[in-house]
Amino acid sequence: MKFIKPFLFCALLFLSATAHGTTLYVNEVLDYMVGGDEMEGIEVTVYYEGADSETAIWDGTTSSAVGSDWVLNFASGHLNDNPSQPLVDDTYWGLWSFFSTSAKGIESLYIDAFIANILIDKIDTPELTPGSEYGWSTSDLATFINPVALSGSLPFGDLFGAVSFDLSNTDVKTSAYTFGLDTDAFEPVPEPGTLLLLGIGLFGLAGMIRRKKKV
């Protein structure tokens, strides 16, 4: 029996990594109330009809990412305060808006939040990652990619590193495509190099203490 539990854990870990992409790990969810000015560095990619694409970096000062013929912006933030609706109470989410003037059709919109220490927090899960609170998503065109878990645990299914929107049947030239989306900030897991340096430092400190004791 003692060999079965580790096997089941590994199996669940494998399934979680293959169901929606690669599982990503964080040390801690730091803030579930993240506005557009706090998402500096998010990568936003627009895929056009055919093989063309364009990536722009989120600018925290303007709360937007601007391409050559498109713009995605964080229009406004909202804090829900309704105790009678526990799934949305105390949830902070943003209203986002995407618009394009391209002569080419837009296939999809891809937001890589994890690269900037930001998470995508969705709502339709019965359990929550500690520190994340309830999420929010109002788009039926969204596909959530790369589930996120706290270091040493399995993902709850509420946090993701990226999200993609299928806009192939949406006219974003006539009117902007707006959607609600919740983002959280996280503390990254230290890189192996950082841990190695920390270990070397502690080892050296222990050696100094031993030498002082001998003297």
C-alpha atoms as a PDB file:
ATOM      1  CA  MET A   1       0.000   0.000   0.000  1.00  0.00           C
ATOM      2  CA  LYS A   2       2.862   2.392   0.809  1.00  0.00           C
ATOM      3  CA  PHE A   3       4.048   2.077  -2.805  1.00  0.00           C
ATOM      4  CA  ILE A   4       0.603   2.812  -4.267  1.00  0.00           C
ATOM      5  CA  LYS A   5       0.207   6.354  -2.886  1.00  0.00           C
ATOM      6  CA  PRO A   6       3.376   7.716  -4.508  1.00  0.00           C
ATOM      7  CA  PHE A   7       2.345   6.050  -7.763  1.00  0.00           C
ATOM      8  CA  LEU A   8      -1.124   7.656  -7.645  1.00  0.00           C
ATOM      9  CA  PHE A   9       0.403  11.043  -6.877  1.00  0.00           C
ATOM     10  CA  CYS A  10       2.734  10.756  -9.864  1.00  0.00           C
ATOM     11  CA  ALA A  11      -0.165   9.663 -12.077  1.00  0.00           C
ATOM     12  CA  LEU A  12      -2.275  12.651 -11.024  1.00  0.00           C
ATOM     13  CA  LEU A  13       0.670  14.952 -11.569  1.00  0.00           C
ATOM     14  CA  PHE A  14       1.145  13.542 -15.071  1.00  0.00           C
ATOM     15  CA  LEU A  15      -2.543  13.981 -15.913  1.00  0.00           C
ATOM     16  CA  SER A  16      -2.580  17.547 -14.620  1.00  0.00           C
ATOM     17  CA  ALA A  17       0.422  18.341 -16.787  1.00  0.00           C
ATOM     18  CA  THR A  18      -1.123  16.946 -19.964  1.00  0.00           C
ATOM     19  CA  ALA A  19      -4.762  18.031 -19.629  1.00  0.00           C
ATOM     20  CA  HIS A  20      -4.291  21.777 -20.273  1.00  0.00           C
ATOM     21  CA  GLY A  21      -0.606  22.125 -21.029  1.00  0.00           C
ATOM     22  CA  THR A  22       2.357  22.104 -18.690  1.00  0.00           C
ATOM     23  CA  THR A  23       1.765  22.501 -14.955  1.00  0.00           C
ATOM     24  CA  LEU A  24       3.544  25.553 -13.548  1.00  0.00           C
ATOM     25  CA  TYR A  25       4.521  26.035  -9.901  1.00  0.00           C
ATOM     26  CA  VAL A  26       4.620  29.078  -7.632  1.00  0.00           C
ATOM     27  CA  ASN A  27       5.691  29.589  -4.034  1.00  0.00           C
ATOM     28  CA  GLU A  28       2.723  31.688  -2.961  1.00  0.00           C
ATOM     29  CA  VAL A  29      -0.193  33.764  -4.255  1.00  0.00           C
ATOM     30  CA  LEU A  30       0.638  37.263  -3.035  1.00  0.00           C
ATOM     31  CA  ASP A  31      -2.264  39.419  -4.185  1.00  0.00           C
ATOM     32  CA  TYR A  32      -5.673  38.633  -5.698  1.00  0.00           C
ATOM     33  CA  MET A  33      -6.494  42.300  -6.414  1.00  0.00           C
ATOM     34  CA  VAL A  34      -4.228  43.125  -9.364  1.00  0.00           C
ATOM     35  CA  GLY A  35      -4.948  46.095 -11.611  1.00  0.00           C
ATOM     36  CA  GLY A  36      -3.739  46.945 -15.092  1.00  0.00           C
ATOM     37  CA  ASP A  37      -0.898  49.086 -13.753  1.00  0.00           C
ATOM     38  CA  GLU A  38       0.560  46.063 -11.908  1.00  0.00           C
ATOM     39  CA  MET A  39       0.862  43.740 -14.906  1.00  0.00           C
ATOM     40  CA  GLU A  40       3.988  45.196 -16.491  1.00  0.00           C
ATOM     41  CA  GLY A  41       5.691  42.640 -18.721  1.00  0.00           C
ATOM     42  CA  ILE A  42       2.736  40.444 -19.695  1.00  0.00           C
ATOM     43  CA  GLU A  43       3.120  39.223 -23.282  1.00  0.00           C
ATOM     44  CA  VAL A  44       0.116  39.638 -25.574  1.00  0.00           C
ATOM     45  CA  THR A  45       0.156  37.910 -28.958  1.00  0.00           C
ATOM     46  CA  VAL A  46      -2.351  38.372 -31.778  1.00  0.00           C
ATOM     47  CA  TYR A  47      -2.610  35.643 -34.406  1.00  0.00           C
ATOM     48  CA  TYR A  48      -3.869  36.731 -37.824  1.00  0.00           C
ATOM     49  CA  GLU A  49      -5.441  34.613 -40.541  1.00  0.00           C
ATOM     50  CA  GLY A  50      -2.667  32.497 -41.970  1.00  0.00           C
ATOM     51  CA  ALA A  51       0.626  32.200 -40.116  1.00  0.00           C
ATOM     52  CA  ASP A  52       1.275  35.827 -39.151  1.00  0.00           C
ATOM     53  CA  SER A  53       1.385  36.954 -35.535  1.00  0.00           C
ATOM     54  CA  GLU A  54       2.482  39.965 -33.517  1.00  0.00           C
ATOM     55  CA  THR A  55       3.518  40.189 -29.853  1.00  0.00           C
ATOM     56  CA  ALA A  56       3.446  43.296 -27.676  1.00  0.00           C
ATOM     57  CA  ILE A  57       4.498  43.775 -24.052  1.00  0.00           C
ATOM     58  CA  TRP A  58       2.011  45.090 -21.497  1.00  0.00           C
ATOM     59  CA  ASP A  59       2.730  48.655 -20.368  1.00  0.00           C
ATOM     60  CA  GLY A  60       1.747  49.272 -16.756  1.00  0.00           C
ATOM     61  CA  THR A  61       1.675  53.049 -17.156  1.00  0.00           C
ATOM     62  CA  THR A  62      -1.082  52.862 -19.792  1.00  0.00           C
ATOM     63  CA  SER A  63      -2.604  49.534 -18.642  1.00  0.00           C
ATOM     64  CA  SER A  64      -2.464  48.252 -22.204  1.00  0.00           C
ATOM     65  CA  ALA A  65      -0.558  46.354 -24.877  1.00  0.00           C
ATOM     66  CA  VAL A  66      -0.431  48.052 -28.278  1.00  0.00           C
ATOM     67  CA  GLY A  67       0.378  46.407 -31.592  1.00  0.00           C
ATOM     68  CA  SER A  68       0.731  47.885 -35.070  1.00  0.00           C
ATOM     69  CA  ASP A  69      -3.007  47.628 -35.753  1.00  0.00           C
ATOM     70  CA  TRP A  70      -4.567  46.454 -32.470  1.00  0.00           C
ATOM     71  CA  VAL A  71      -4.800  47.329 -28.810  1.00  0.00           C
ATOM     72  CA  LEU A  72      -5.720  45.393 -25.658  1.00  0.00           C
ATOM     73  CA  ASN A  73      -6.410  47.466 -22.574  1.00  0.00           C
ATOM     74  CA  PHE A  74      -7.545  47.035 -18.981  1.00  0.00           C
ATOM     75  CA  ALA A  75     -10.621  49.242 -19.104  1.00  0.00           C
ATOM     76  CA  SER A  76     -11.611  49.192 -15.429  1.00  0.00           C
ATOM     77  CA  GLY A  77     -11.358  47.177 -12.220  1.00  0.00           C
ATOM     78  CA  HIS A  78     -14.337  45.904 -10.235  1.00  0.00           C
ATOM     79  CA  LEU A  79     -14.666  44.582  -6.688  1.00  0.00           C
ATOM     80  CA  ASN A  80     -17.741  42.431  -6.109  1.00  0.00           C
ATOM     81  CA  ASP A  81     -19.248  42.766  -2.644  1.00  0.00           C
ATOM     82  CA  ASN A  82     -22.233  40.449  -2.372  1.00  0.00           C
ATOM     83  CA  PRO A  83     -22.173  37.927   0.531  1.00  0.00           C
ATOM     84  CA  SER A  84     -25.334  36.251  -0.818  1.00  0.00           C
ATOM     85  CA  GLN A  85     -23.307  35.107  -3.864  1.00  0.00           C
ATOM     86  CA  PRO A  86     -20.221  33.411  -2.396  1.00  0.00           C
ATOM     87  CA  LEU A  87     -18.776  32.523  -5.807  1.00  0.00           C
ATOM     88  CA  VAL A  88     -18.316  36.177  -6.695  1.00  0.00           C
ATOM     89  CA  ASP A  89     -18.196  37.911  -3.316  1.00  0.00           C
ATOM     90  CA  ASP A  90     -14.905  39.661  -2.555  1.00  0.00           C
ATOM     91  CA  THR A  91     -13.713  39.034  -6.114  1.00  0.00           C
ATOM     92  CA  TYR A  92     -11.663  41.701  -7.851  1.00  0.00           C
ATOM     93  CA  TRP A  93     -11.685  41.437 -11.620  1.00  0.00           C
ATOM     94  CA  GLY A  94     -10.935  43.604 -14.626  1.00  0.00           C
ATOM     95  CA  LEU A  95     -12.950  44.567 -17.675  1.00  0.00           C
ATOM     96  CA  TRP A  96     -10.661  44.130 -20.691  1.00  0.00           C
ATOM     97  CA  SER A  97     -11.177  45.462 -24.211  1.00  0.00           C
ATOM     98  CA  PHE A  98      -9.604  44.355 -27.516  1.00  0.00           C
ATOM     99  CA  PHE A  99      -9.888  46.255 -30.791  1.00  0.00           C
ATOM    100  CA  SER A 100      -8.193  45.889 -34.180  1.00  0.00           C
ATOM    101  CA  THR A 101      -8.060  47.914 -37.388  1.00  0.00           C
ATOM    102  CA  SER A 102      -6.248  45.190 -39.342  1.00  0.00           C
ATOM    103  CA  ALA A 103      -7.390  44.403 -42.862  1.00  0.00           C
ATOM    104  CA  LYS A 104      -6.568  40.786 -42.089  1.00  0.00           C
ATOM    105  CA  GLY A 105      -8.847  38.650 -39.977  1.00  0.00           C
ATOM    106  CA  ILE A 106      -7.936  37.967 -36.348  1.00  0.00           C
ATOM    107  CA  GLU A 107      -7.774  34.285 -35.443  1.00  0.00           C
ATOM    108  CA  SER A 108      -6.973  34.467 -31.747  1.00  0.00           C
ATOM    109  CA  LEU A 109      -5.657  36.509 -28.847  1.00  0.00           C
ATOM    110  CA  TYR A 110      -3.112  34.947 -26.476  1.00  0.00           C
ATOM    111  CA  ILE A 111      -2.131  36.385 -23.079  1.00  0.00           C
ATOM    112  CA  ASP A 112       0.962  34.995 -21.332  1.00  0.00           C
ATOM    113  CA  ALA A 113       0.637  36.306 -17.776  1.00  0.00           C
ATOM    114  CA  PHE A 114       2.994  33.895 -16.000  1.00  0.00           C
ATOM    115  CA  ILE A 115       6.048  35.433 -17.628  1.00  0.00           C
ATOM    116  CA  ALA A 116       5.380  38.601 -15.570  1.00  0.00           C
ATOM    117  CA  ASN A 117       4.588  36.795 -12.277  1.00  0.00           C
ATOM    118  CA  ILE A 118       0.854  37.157 -12.904  1.00  0.00           C
ATOM    119  CA  LEU A 119      -1.795  34.400 -12.882  1.00  0.00           C
ATOM    120  CA  ILE A 120      -5.147  34.020 -14.633  1.00  0.00           C
ATOM    121  CA  ASP A 121      -7.830  33.155 -12.042  1.00  0.00           C
ATOM    122  CA  LYS A 122     -11.045  31.533 -13.280  1.00  0.00           C
ATOM    123  CA  ILE A 123     -14.237  30.997 -11.327  1.00  0.00           C
ATOM    124  CA  ASP A 124     -15.787  27.601 -12.084  1.00  0.00           C
ATOM    125  CA  THR A 125     -13.898  25.432  -9.582  1.00  0.00           C
ATOM    126  CA  PRO A 126     -15.253  24.201  -6.220  1.00  0.00           C
ATOM    127  CA  GLU A 127     -11.872  24.552  -4.479  1.00  0.00           C
ATOM    128  CA  LEU A 128      -9.483  27.478  -4.374  1.00  0.00           C
ATOM    129  CA  THR A 129      -5.722  27.708  -4.343  1.00  0.00           C
ATOM    130  CA  PRO A 130      -4.842  29.251  -0.941  1.00  0.00           C
ATOM    131  CA  GLY A 131      -4.500  33.017  -1.242  1.00  0.00           C
ATOM    132  CA  SER A 132      -6.230  33.314  -4.611  1.00  0.00           C
ATOM    133  CA  GLU A 133      -9.860  33.959  -3.553  1.00  0.00           C
ATOM    134  CA  TYR A 134     -12.550  33.417  -6.193  1.00  0.00           C
ATOM    135  CA  GLY A 135     -11.716  34.109  -9.823  1.00  0.00           C
ATOM    136  CA  TRP A 136     -13.716  35.628 -12.633  1.00  0.00           C
ATOM    137  CA  SER A 137     -14.179  35.060 -16.369  1.00  0.00           C
ATOM    138  CA  THR A 138     -17.054  36.249 -18.544  1.00  0.00           C
ATOM    139  CA  SER A 139     -15.848  34.905 -21.891  1.00  0.00           C
ATOM    140  CA  ASP A 140     -17.084  31.700 -23.500  1.00  0.00           C
ATOM    141  CA  LEU A 141     -14.301  32.067 -26.084  1.00  0.00           C
ATOM    142  CA  ALA A 142     -11.511  31.558 -23.529  1.00  0.00           C
ATOM    143  CA  THR A 143      -9.276  28.501 -23.238  1.00  0.00           C
ATOM    144  CA  PHE A 144      -7.168  28.438 -20.068  1.00  0.00           C
ATOM    145  CA  ILE A 145      -3.645  27.090 -20.548  1.00  0.00           C
ATOM    146  CA  ASN A 146      -0.915  25.780 -18.221  1.00  0.00           C
ATOM    147  CA  PRO A 147      -2.499  25.050 -14.824  1.00  0.00           C
ATOM    148  CA  VAL A 148      -0.713  26.518 -11.816  1.00  0.00           C
ATOM    149  CA  ALA A 149      -0.095  24.855  -8.435  1.00  0.00           C
ATOM    150  CA  LEU A 150       1.650  25.812  -5.241  1.00  0.00           C
ATOM    151  CA  SER A 151       5.100  24.234  -4.964  1.00  0.00           C
ATOM    152  CA  GLY A 152       4.825  20.611  -3.810  1.00  0.00           C
ATOM    153  CA  SER A 153       1.088  20.265  -4.499  1.00  0.00           C
ATOM    154  CA  LEU A 154      -1.328  19.516  -7.327  1.00  0.00           C
ATOM    155  CA  PRO A 155      -3.282  22.277  -9.106  1.00  0.00           C
ATOM    156  CA  PHE A 156      -6.831  23.036  -7.930  1.00  0.00           C
ATOM    157  CA  GLY A 157      -7.829  23.969 -11.474  1.00  0.00           C
ATOM    158  CA  ASP A 158      -8.552  27.637 -10.760  1.00  0.00           C
ATOM    159  CA  LEU A 159      -5.211  29.237 -11.651  1.00  0.00           C
ATOM    160  CA  PHE A 160      -3.504  29.288 -15.052  1.00  0.00           C
ATOM    161  CA  GLY A 161      -0.421  30.823 -16.587  1.00  0.00           C
ATOM    162  CA  ALA A 162      -2.016  31.872 -19.867  1.00  0.00           C
ATOM    163  CA  VAL A 163      -5.324  32.243 -21.669  1.00  0.00           C
ATOM    164  CA  SER A 164      -6.278  32.169 -25.351  1.00  0.00           C
ATOM    165  CA  PHE A 165      -9.391  33.652 -26.979  1.00  0.00           C
ATOM    166  CA  ASP A 166     -10.780  32.269 -30.236  1.00  0.00           C
ATOM    167  CA  LEU A 167     -11.750  35.384 -32.214  1.00  0.00           C
ATOM    168  CA  SER A 168     -12.105  33.717 -35.616  1.00  0.00           C
ATOM    169  CA  ASN A 169     -15.860  34.360 -35.638  1.00  0.00           C
ATOM    170  CA  THR A 170     -15.735  37.739 -33.895  1.00  0.00           C
ATOM    171  CA  ASP A 171     -15.639  41.059 -35.760  1.00  0.00           C
ATOM    172  CA  VAL A 172     -13.247  43.159 -33.661  1.00  0.00           C
ATOM    173  CA  LYS A 173     -13.096  45.907 -36.297  1.00  0.00           C
ATOM    174  CA  THR A 174     -16.735  46.896 -36.018  1.00  0.00           C
ATOM    175  CA  SER A 175     -16.758  46.950 -32.223  1.00  0.00           C
ATOM    176  CA  ALA A 176     -14.323  46.106 -29.438  1.00  0.00           C
ATOM    177  CA  TYR A 177     -14.405  42.651 -27.894  1.00  0.00           C
ATOM    178  CA  THR A 178     -14.786  43.075 -24.127  1.00  0.00           C
ATOM    179  CA  PHE A 179     -14.448  40.420 -21.454  1.00  0.00           C
ATOM    180  CA  GLY A 180     -14.021  40.080 -17.704  1.00  0.00           C
ATOM    181  CA  LEU A 181     -10.862  38.452 -16.383  1.00  0.00           C
ATOM    182  CA  ASP A 182      -9.309  38.102 -12.931  1.00  0.00           C
ATOM    183  CA  THR A 183      -5.544  38.261 -12.405  1.00  0.00           C
ATOM    184  CA  ASP A 184      -3.433  37.492  -9.313  1.00  0.00           C
ATOM    185  CA  ALA A 185       0.202  38.171  -8.443  1.00  0.00           C
ATOM    186  CA  PHE A 186       2.502  35.396  -7.231  1.00  0.00           C
ATOM    187  CA  GLU A 187       5.898  34.760  -5.704  1.00  0.00           C
ATOM    188  CA  PRO A 188       7.951  32.567  -8.058  1.00  0.00           C
ATOM    189  CA  VAL A 189       9.716  29.387  -7.021  1.00  0.00           C
ATOM    190  CA  PRO A 190      13.455  30.177  -6.634  1.00  0.00           C
ATOM    191  CA  GLU A 191      15.540  29.056  -9.587  1.00  0.00           C
ATOM    192  CA  PRO A 192      17.997  26.171  -8.986  1.00  0.00           C
ATOM    193  CA  GLY A 193      20.919  28.576  -9.275  1.00  0.00           C
ATOM    194  CA  THR A 194      19.497  30.757  -6.508  1.00  0.00           C
ATOM    195  CA  LEU A 195      18.993  27.749  -4.263  1.00  0.00           C
ATOM    196  CA  LEU A 196      22.549  26.586  -4.982  1.00  0.00           C
ATOM    197  CA  LEU A 197      23.992  29.976  -4.010  1.00  0.00           C
ATOM    198  CA  LEU A 198      21.882  29.992  -0.859  1.00  0.00           C
ATOM    199  CA  GLY A 199      23.146  26.501   0.038  1.00  0.00           C
ATOM    200  CA  ILE A 200      26.760  27.497  -0.535  1.00  0.00           C
ATOM    201  CA  GLY A 201      26.283  30.574   1.619  1.00  0.00           C
ATOM    202  CA  LEU A 202      24.753  28.582   4.466  1.00  0.00           C
ATOM    203  CA  PHE A 203      27.502  25.967   4.195  1.00  0.00           C
ATOM    204  CA  GLY A 204      30.173  28.663   4.410  1.00  0.00           C
ATOM    205  CA  LEU A 205      28.442  30.300   7.367  1.00  0.00           C
ATOM    206  CA  ALA A 206      28.300  26.970   9.207  1.00  0.00           C
ATOM    207  CA  GLY A 207      32.047  26.494   8.574  1.00  0.00           C
ATOM    208  CA  MET A 208      32.856  29.923   9.991  1.00  0.00           C
ATOM    209  CA  ILE A 209      30.812  29.197  13.115  1.00  0.00           C
ATOM    210  CA  ARG A 210      32.634  25.865  13.642  1.00  0.00           C
ATOM    211  CA  ARG A 211      36.040  27.555  13.290  1.00  0.00           C
ATOM    212  CA  LYS A 212      35.119  30.242  15.824  1.00  0.00           C
ATOM    213  CA  LYS A 213      34.036  27.585  18.306  1.00  0.00           C
ATOM    214  CA  LYS A 214      37.405  25.802  17.966  1.00  0.00           C
ATOM    215  CA  VAL A 215      39.280  29.033  18.642  1.00  0.00           C
END
